Amino acid sequence: MEGKSTGLLLTATVLLELQLFSSGMGECPVQLHPSSLLVRYGDSASANCTVSEGHLGIGWEASEGSVDMEQDVQFLTWRVENLTDWHIEPKCFGNFMNDIGQCLEALQVTLYKTPDSVSIRSVDHTGPMVEGRQYQLQCEVQNIAPVQNLTVKWYRGESLENETTFNSNTKTPMTVSSTLTITPSRDDNGAQYSCVAELELGPEGPQPPPEVASKPLKITVHYKPSITKCANQEELKEGDFLGALLFIAEGNPAPRVTWYRDQSEINSSTPLTRKDSGQYVLTARNSLGSSNCTLSLTVSCKGDTCNKENIHSSSIPVCLAPPAGRTGLLIIPVMNCLCICLGVFSKSSSWVEL
């Protein structure tokens, strides 16, 4: 009984091996060159099927470009001039005289397509943005494949801000979008954002990787005013205007600048006198807020007030006149300014400049 059982086991094993070879489970002598293809949608494609031993015939099965079985050839070419089938999977089959029987090899074909368009827009918002608030920008990439090879790159000017990749096994073109969240500041006013759709297809793909960029989106940012170059103390001459003071008030929309003294608005185009010395507040205001600068202003005499003509035309107060013939200093009021003079004074209270 034991010998019969062993014989049955060996017979079953041999039969199983014959079935495996006849069903193509052995090593298939069919080879593909190349073993895979990366093809731009609509371009031509081709591959060779070769056999390394005798055969009864080889051929190609495919939705496009199928080739009938031929004998007495060592290779057979599959070719399509305009490949548009996203799901195509050509198979080269061979019939062999040995125990292999029929076997086949499938050609892996990947079609790719650059997007029809790439566009950028602001989500649920139009018009100027406000500093410090959050906004979303959306980049839409239309009809691209394969999407798993797509990278969307976000740029602010020339600076790369973010990247988005996609997980999908879909072979056919898809329309996808990427979102970038921004919180603009005043430095972003006038900035241009753009997005680029890049297909990274590996070393077998085109180099550099094909990419399509959106038109730039220029953003306008509104922000409340700020005042720079505002000194704590300033000095002006008589006849000058407050508008002559150097300061910078920045804001968007452009701020309205107002001067105040003792909480009263001052006309900045009115000529100043020495009596206008004191504390002033400069206010820059727009629709988003205001900013203030407080300064102490001194209004001094003009540089040409104490010239010879003005001094000689001024009368010397009797109470200030020194004894005749004396040489000395005299402080003479001229046009609301006090001028210091050095000279010899006569009996008539006139003086001769030294």
Protein backbone atom coordinates (compact mmCIF):
# COMPACT_ATOMS: atom_id res chain seq x y z
CA MET A 1 0.00 0.00 0.00
CA GLU A 2 2.80 2.38 0.79
CA GLY A 3 4.43 1.85 -2.63
CA LYS A 4 1.20 2.53 -4.47
CA SER A 5 0.67 5.78 -2.54
CA THR A 6 4.13 6.99 -3.50
CA GLY A 7 3.56 6.21 -7.16
CA LEU A 8 0.27 8.11 -7.19
CA LEU A 9 1.93 11.12 -5.60
CA LEU A 10 4.69 11.21 -8.23
CA THR A 11 2.15 10.92 -11.04
CA ALA A 12 0.07 13.81 -9.64
CA THR A 13 3.20 16.00 -9.34
CA VAL A 14 4.21 15.37 -12.96
CA LEU A 15 0.71 16.16 -14.21
CA LEU A 16 0.63 19.41 -12.20
CA GLU A 17 3.97 20.51 -13.67
CA LEU A 18 2.75 19.80 -17.20
CA GLN A 19 -0.37 21.89 -16.57
CA LEU A 20 1.70 24.80 -15.24
CA PHE A 21 3.94 24.87 -18.33
CA SER A 22 1.07 24.46 -20.76
CA SER A 23 -0.80 27.32 -19.10
CA GLY A 24 2.18 29.66 -19.41
CA MET A 25 3.37 29.45 -15.79
CA GLY A 26 6.96 28.64 -16.83
CA GLU A 27 9.57 31.17 -17.91
CA CYS A 28 8.16 32.94 -20.94
CA PRO A 29 10.74 33.48 -23.72
CA VAL A 30 8.92 36.63 -24.90
CA GLN A 31 10.73 39.90 -24.22
CA LEU A 32 9.62 43.51 -24.75
CA HIS A 33 11.89 46.37 -25.75
CA PRO A 34 11.31 48.71 -24.04
CA SER A 35 9.45 47.05 -21.18
CA SER A 36 7.39 50.23 -20.56
CA LEU A 37 6.49 53.38 -22.47
CA LEU A 38 5.85 56.99 -21.47
CA VAL A 39 3.98 58.74 -24.27
CA ARG A 40 2.57 62.23 -24.67
CA TYR A 41 -1.13 62.07 -25.49
CA GLY A 42 -1.60 62.00 -29.27
CA ASP A 43 2.04 61.15 -30.07
CA SER A 44 3.27 57.98 -31.75
CA ALA A 45 4.36 54.91 -29.79
CA SER A 46 6.12 51.66 -30.63
CA ALA A 47 7.73 48.63 -28.98
CA ASN A 48 9.35 45.42 -30.18
CA CYS A 49 8.48 41.92 -29.09
CA THR A 50 11.34 39.39 -29.47
CA VAL A 51 11.60 35.66 -28.80
CA SER A 52 14.76 33.77 -27.89
CA GLU A 53 13.75 30.32 -29.17
CA GLY A 54 11.67 28.59 -31.79
CA HIS A 55 7.97 29.31 -31.83
CA LEU A 56 4.77 28.58 -33.69
CA GLY A 57 3.91 32.29 -34.01
CA ILE A 58 3.96 35.62 -32.18
CA GLY A 59 1.56 38.58 -32.29
CA TRP A 60 0.24 41.65 -30.53
CA GLU A 61 -3.14 42.10 -28.87
CA ALA A 62 -4.12 45.74 -28.31
CA SER A 63 -7.10 48.11 -28.54
CA GLU A 64 -5.01 50.09 -31.04
CA GLY A 65 -2.24 48.75 -33.30
CA SER A 66 -2.86 45.00 -32.84
CA VAL A 67 -0.68 42.73 -35.03
CA ASP A 68 -1.80 39.31 -36.28
CA MET A 69 0.29 36.29 -35.35
CA GLU A 70 3.28 35.69 -37.62
CA GLN A 71 5.65 32.74 -37.93
CA ASP A 72 9.30 32.56 -38.90
CA VAL A 73 10.09 35.96 -37.33
CA GLN A 74 12.22 36.69 -34.28
CA PHE A 75 10.62 40.05 -33.46
CA LEU A 76 7.38 41.88 -34.13
CA THR A 77 6.73 45.62 -33.72
CA TRP A 78 3.65 47.19 -32.21
CA ARG A 79 3.13 50.74 -33.45
CA VAL A 80 0.48 53.46 -33.10
CA GLU A 81 0.84 56.80 -34.85
CA ASN A 82 -1.64 58.72 -32.70
CA LEU A 83 -2.06 57.17 -29.26
CA THR A 84 -5.24 58.35 -27.51
CA ASP A 85 -6.41 55.32 -25.52
CA TRP A 86 -5.76 56.11 -21.85
CA HIS A 87 -6.30 52.47 -20.78
CA ILE A 88 -4.35 50.72 -23.52
CA GLU A 89 -2.30 47.69 -22.44
CA PRO A 90 -0.72 45.96 -25.44
CA LYS A 91 0.21 42.30 -24.96
CA CYS A 92 2.68 40.32 -27.01
CA PHE A 93 1.85 36.61 -27.10
CA GLY A 94 3.81 33.64 -28.38
CA ASN A 95 2.95 29.99 -29.09
CA PHE A 96 5.75 27.54 -28.44
CA MET A 97 6.38 23.91 -29.35
CA ASN A 98 7.63 22.88 -25.91
CA ASP A 99 5.68 22.52 -22.70
CA ILE A 100 5.34 26.28 -22.30
CA GLY A 101 2.49 26.41 -24.78
CA GLN A 102 1.26 29.98 -25.07
CA CYS A 103 2.56 32.87 -22.93
CA LEU A 104 2.41 36.63 -23.11
CA GLU A 105 3.99 39.79 -21.79
CA ALA A 106 2.07 43.06 -21.18
CA LEU A 107 3.57 46.41 -22.16
CA GLN A 108 3.07 49.08 -19.51
CA VAL A 109 2.01 52.29 -21.28
CA THR A 110 1.63 55.62 -19.46
CA LEU A 111 0.05 58.52 -21.32
CA TYR A 112 0.61 62.04 -20.07
CA LYS A 113 -0.98 65.33 -20.95
CA THR A 114 -0.12 68.88 -19.93
CA PRO A 115 -3.05 70.97 -18.66
CA ASP A 116 -5.38 72.89 -20.96
CA SER A 117 -5.06 75.86 -18.62
CA VAL A 118 -3.79 76.94 -15.21
CA SER A 119 -5.57 79.82 -13.49
CA ILE A 120 -5.47 81.56 -10.11
CA ARG A 121 -8.17 83.46 -8.25
CA SER A 122 -9.15 84.71 -4.82
CA VAL A 123 -11.76 82.53 -3.09
CA ASP A 124 -14.98 84.30 -2.02
CA HIS A 125 -13.40 87.73 -2.21
CA THR A 126 -13.07 90.56 -4.67
CA GLY A 127 -11.33 93.91 -4.43
CA PRO A 128 -8.58 95.02 -2.03
CA MET A 129 -7.50 92.86 0.91
CA VAL A 130 -7.06 94.19 4.44
CA GLU A 131 -3.83 93.83 6.34
CA GLY A 132 -3.91 91.07 8.97
CA ARG A 133 -6.97 89.27 7.63
CA GLN A 134 -6.83 85.76 6.19
CA TYR A 135 -7.58 84.99 2.54
CA GLN A 136 -7.45 81.96 0.28
CA LEU A 137 -6.05 81.79 -3.23
CA GLN A 138 -7.06 78.89 -5.48
CA CYS A 139 -5.09 77.46 -8.39
CA GLU A 140 -7.13 75.42 -10.87
CA VAL A 141 -5.40 72.98 -13.22
CA GLN A 142 -7.66 71.77 -16.02
CA ASN A 143 -7.42 68.38 -17.74
CA ILE A 144 -4.03 67.04 -16.72
CA ALA A 145 -2.80 63.44 -16.56
CA PRO A 146 -1.56 61.52 -14.73
CA VAL A 147 -2.50 63.62 -11.73
CA GLN A 148 -0.34 61.57 -9.34
CA ASN A 149 2.70 63.02 -11.12
CA LEU A 150 1.49 66.60 -10.73
CA THR A 151 3.03 69.13 -8.38
CA VAL A 152 1.43 72.57 -8.01
CA LYS A 153 3.98 75.19 -6.98
CA TRP A 154 2.94 78.52 -5.47
CA TYR A 155 5.08 81.61 -5.98
CA ARG A 156 5.09 85.11 -4.53
CA GLY A 157 7.07 86.93 -7.17
CA GLU A 158 10.10 84.66 -7.68
CA SER A 159 9.91 83.15 -4.19
CA LEU A 160 8.50 79.61 -3.80
CA GLU A 161 5.81 79.70 -1.10
CA ASN A 162 4.26 76.21 -1.11
CA GLU A 163 3.86 72.93 -3.01
CA THR A 164 0.90 70.57 -3.42
CA THR A 165 0.93 66.95 -4.65
CA PHE A 166 -2.00 64.65 -5.40
CA ASN A 167 -2.78 61.01 -4.62
CA SER A 168 -4.75 59.29 -7.38
CA ASN A 169 -4.48 56.21 -9.58
CA THR A 170 -6.66 57.68 -12.30
CA LYS A 171 -5.13 57.41 -15.76
CA THR A 172 -7.50 59.81 -17.53
CA PRO A 173 -7.22 63.62 -17.36
CA MET A 174 -8.60 65.36 -14.30
CA THR A 175 -9.26 68.93 -13.21
CA VAL A 176 -7.79 69.58 -9.76
CA SER A 177 -7.20 72.60 -7.56
CA SER A 178 -4.76 73.71 -4.86
CA THR A 179 -5.42 76.32 -2.18
CA LEU A 180 -2.95 78.71 -0.57
CA THR A 181 -3.88 80.60 2.61
CA ILE A 182 -2.28 84.02 3.03
CA THR A 183 -2.37 86.75 5.68
CA PRO A 184 -1.17 89.83 3.80
CA SER A 185 0.73 92.69 5.35
CA ARG A 186 1.42 96.15 3.99
CA ASP A 187 4.62 94.76 2.47
CA ASP A 188 2.42 92.54 0.27
CA ASN A 189 0.67 95.49 -1.36
CA GLY A 190 1.26 95.09 -5.08
CA ALA A 191 2.69 91.57 -4.69
CA GLN A 192 2.07 89.11 -7.51
CA TYR A 193 1.09 85.51 -6.80
CA SER A 194 1.21 82.75 -9.40
CA CYS A 195 1.02 78.96 -9.54
CA VAL A 196 2.82 76.48 -11.76
CA ALA A 197 1.60 72.98 -12.71
CA GLU A 198 4.63 70.70 -13.11
CA LEU A 199 4.52 67.09 -14.36
CA GLU A 200 7.41 65.14 -12.84
CA LEU A 201 7.57 61.98 -14.97
CA GLY A 202 10.88 60.58 -13.80
CA PRO A 203 14.15 60.04 -15.67
CA GLU A 204 12.35 58.62 -18.71
CA GLY A 205 10.19 61.71 -19.03
CA PRO A 206 11.05 65.00 -20.70
CA GLN A 207 13.73 67.11 -19.03
CA PRO A 208 13.18 69.62 -17.63
CA PRO A 209 9.71 68.46 -16.53
CA PRO A 210 6.92 70.13 -18.54
CA GLU A 211 5.18 72.93 -16.69
CA VAL A 212 2.41 75.43 -17.31
CA ALA A 213 2.16 78.66 -15.28
CA SER A 214 -0.85 80.79 -14.47
CA LYS A 215 -1.06 84.48 -15.16
CA PRO A 216 0.06 86.40 -12.05
CA LEU A 217 -2.55 87.66 -9.59
CA LYS A 218 -1.64 91.11 -8.26
CA ILE A 219 -3.10 91.86 -4.85
CA THR A 220 -3.90 95.24 -3.33
CA VAL A 221 -3.61 95.50 0.47
CA HIS A 222 -5.29 98.23 2.49
CA TYR A 223 -3.74 99.17 5.84
CA LYS A 224 -4.02 101.89 8.43
CA PRO A 225 -1.54 104.80 8.41
CA SER A 226 1.84 104.87 10.07
CA ILE A 227 4.07 107.92 10.55
CA THR A 228 7.82 107.66 10.18
CA LYS A 229 10.62 110.22 10.46
CA CYS A 230 8.64 112.15 13.03
CA ALA A 231 11.10 113.81 15.45
CA ASN A 232 10.25 114.75 19.04
CA GLN A 233 11.62 118.25 18.51
CA GLU A 234 11.64 120.44 15.42
CA GLU A 235 12.71 124.00 14.62
CA LEU A 236 11.36 126.31 11.92
CA LYS A 237 11.97 129.93 11.03
CA GLU A 238 9.43 132.68 11.06
CA GLY A 239 7.45 132.64 7.84
CA ASP A 240 7.86 128.89 7.38
CA PHE A 241 4.91 126.48 7.29
CA LEU A 242 4.16 123.33 9.22
CA GLY A 243 4.14 121.57 5.87
CA ALA A 244 7.88 122.21 5.66
CA LEU A 245 8.52 119.61 8.35
CA LEU A 246 9.95 116.34 7.06
CA PHE A 247 7.79 113.35 7.89
CA ILE A 248 6.38 110.34 6.07
CA ALA A 249 2.80 109.21 6.55
CA GLU A 250 2.06 105.91 4.81
CA GLY A 251 -1.30 104.21 4.45
CA ASN A 252 -3.61 102.66 1.90
CA PRO A 253 -5.93 104.32 1.07
CA ALA A 254 -3.71 107.41 1.20
CA PRO A 255 -4.19 109.05 4.63
CA ARG A 256 -5.40 112.59 5.30
CA VAL A 257 -2.84 114.50 7.37
CA THR A 258 -4.04 117.01 9.99
CA TRP A 259 -2.13 119.23 12.44
CA TYR A 260 -3.49 120.02 15.92
CA ARG A 261 -2.46 122.44 18.66
CA ASP A 262 -4.34 122.45 21.96
CA GLN A 263 -6.83 120.00 20.34
CA SER A 264 -7.66 122.55 17.65
CA GLU A 265 -6.99 121.90 13.98
CA ILE A 266 -4.26 124.09 12.49
CA ASN A 267 -3.96 125.22 8.89
CA SER A 268 -0.55 123.88 7.92
CA SER A 269 -0.18 126.43 5.11
CA THR A 270 -0.33 129.47 7.44
CA PRO A 271 3.07 131.23 7.90
CA LEU A 272 4.47 130.73 11.40
CA THR A 273 5.61 133.37 13.89
CA ARG A 274 7.60 132.99 17.10
CA LYS A 275 4.35 132.94 19.01
CA ASP A 276 3.51 129.64 17.30
CA SER A 277 6.20 127.78 19.23
CA GLY A 278 4.77 124.92 21.30
CA GLN A 279 3.40 121.35 21.25
CA TYR A 280 1.79 119.98 18.09
CA VAL A 281 0.12 116.71 17.16
CA LEU A 282 0.28 115.34 13.64
CA THR A 283 -2.52 112.88 12.78
CA ALA A 284 -2.69 110.66 9.70
CA ARG A 285 -6.10 109.03 9.19
CA ASN A 286 -7.82 106.78 6.63
CA SER A 287 -10.79 104.39 6.66
CA LEU A 288 -8.84 101.74 8.60
CA GLY A 289 -7.55 103.88 11.46
CA SER A 290 -5.17 106.64 12.44
CA SER A 291 -1.68 107.29 13.73
CA ASN A 292 -0.36 110.23 15.75
CA CYS A 293 2.97 111.96 16.26
CA THR A 294 3.56 114.56 18.98
CA LEU A 295 6.39 117.06 18.64
CA SER A 296 7.72 120.22 20.25
CA LEU A 297 8.14 123.04 17.73
CA THR A 298 10.39 126.05 18.13
CA VAL A 299 9.89 128.97 15.76
CA SER A 300 13.02 131.14 15.59
CA CYS A 301 13.94 134.32 13.78
CA LYS A 302 14.79 134.21 10.15
CA GLY A 303 18.45 134.15 9.31
CA ASP A 304 18.30 137.58 7.63
CA THR A 305 16.26 139.37 10.31
CA CYS A 306 19.29 140.87 12.03
CA ASN A 307 20.85 142.32 8.92
CA LYS A 308 22.25 145.89 8.81
CA GLU A 309 19.29 147.35 7.00
CA ASN A 310 16.74 146.03 9.47
CA ILE A 311 18.79 147.00 12.51
CA HIS A 312 19.59 150.55 11.32
CA SER A 313 15.94 151.13 10.45
CA SER A 314 14.90 150.14 13.94
CA SER A 315 14.79 152.63 16.75
CA ILE A 316 16.79 151.88 19.86
CA PRO A 317 14.60 152.09 22.96
CA VAL A 318 15.75 154.95 25.17
CA CYS A 319 15.80 152.73 28.17
CA LEU A 320 18.29 150.47 26.39
CA ALA A 321 20.57 153.18 24.93
CA PRO A 322 24.06 153.16 26.52
CA PRO A 323 26.04 156.34 27.30
CA ALA A 324 27.27 158.19 24.25
CA GLY A 325 30.68 157.24 22.99
CA ARG A 326 30.62 153.90 24.71
CA THR A 327 31.47 150.70 22.84
CA GLY A 328 29.36 147.71 23.77
CA LEU A 329 26.66 145.20 22.97
CA LEU A 330 23.07 146.13 22.48
CA ILE A 331 20.08 143.85 22.13
CA ILE A 332 17.71 145.51 19.68
CA PRO A 333 14.17 144.23 19.01
CA VAL A 334 13.70 143.89 15.24
CA MET A 335 10.55 142.36 13.74
CA ASN A 336 9.71 140.48 16.96
CA CYS A 337 13.29 139.17 17.16
CA LEU A 338 16.09 140.26 19.48
CA CYS A 339 19.26 141.17 17.61
CA ILE A 340 22.62 141.44 19.40
CA CYS A 341 24.72 144.33 18.06
CA LEU A 342 28.30 145.54 18.76
CA GLY A 343 29.13 149.20 18.11
CA VAL A 344 29.95 152.75 19.33
CA PHE A 345 26.90 154.76 20.30
CA SER A 346 26.49 158.53 19.76
CA LYS A 347 24.55 161.12 21.73
CA SER A 348 21.62 160.75 19.39
CA SER A 349 21.28 157.11 20.33
CA SER A 350 22.45 156.08 16.90
CA TRP A 351 25.31 153.66 16.65
CA VAL A 352 28.19 152.85 14.41
CA GLU A 353 28.84 149.19 13.80
CA LEU A 354 32.34 147.98 14.58
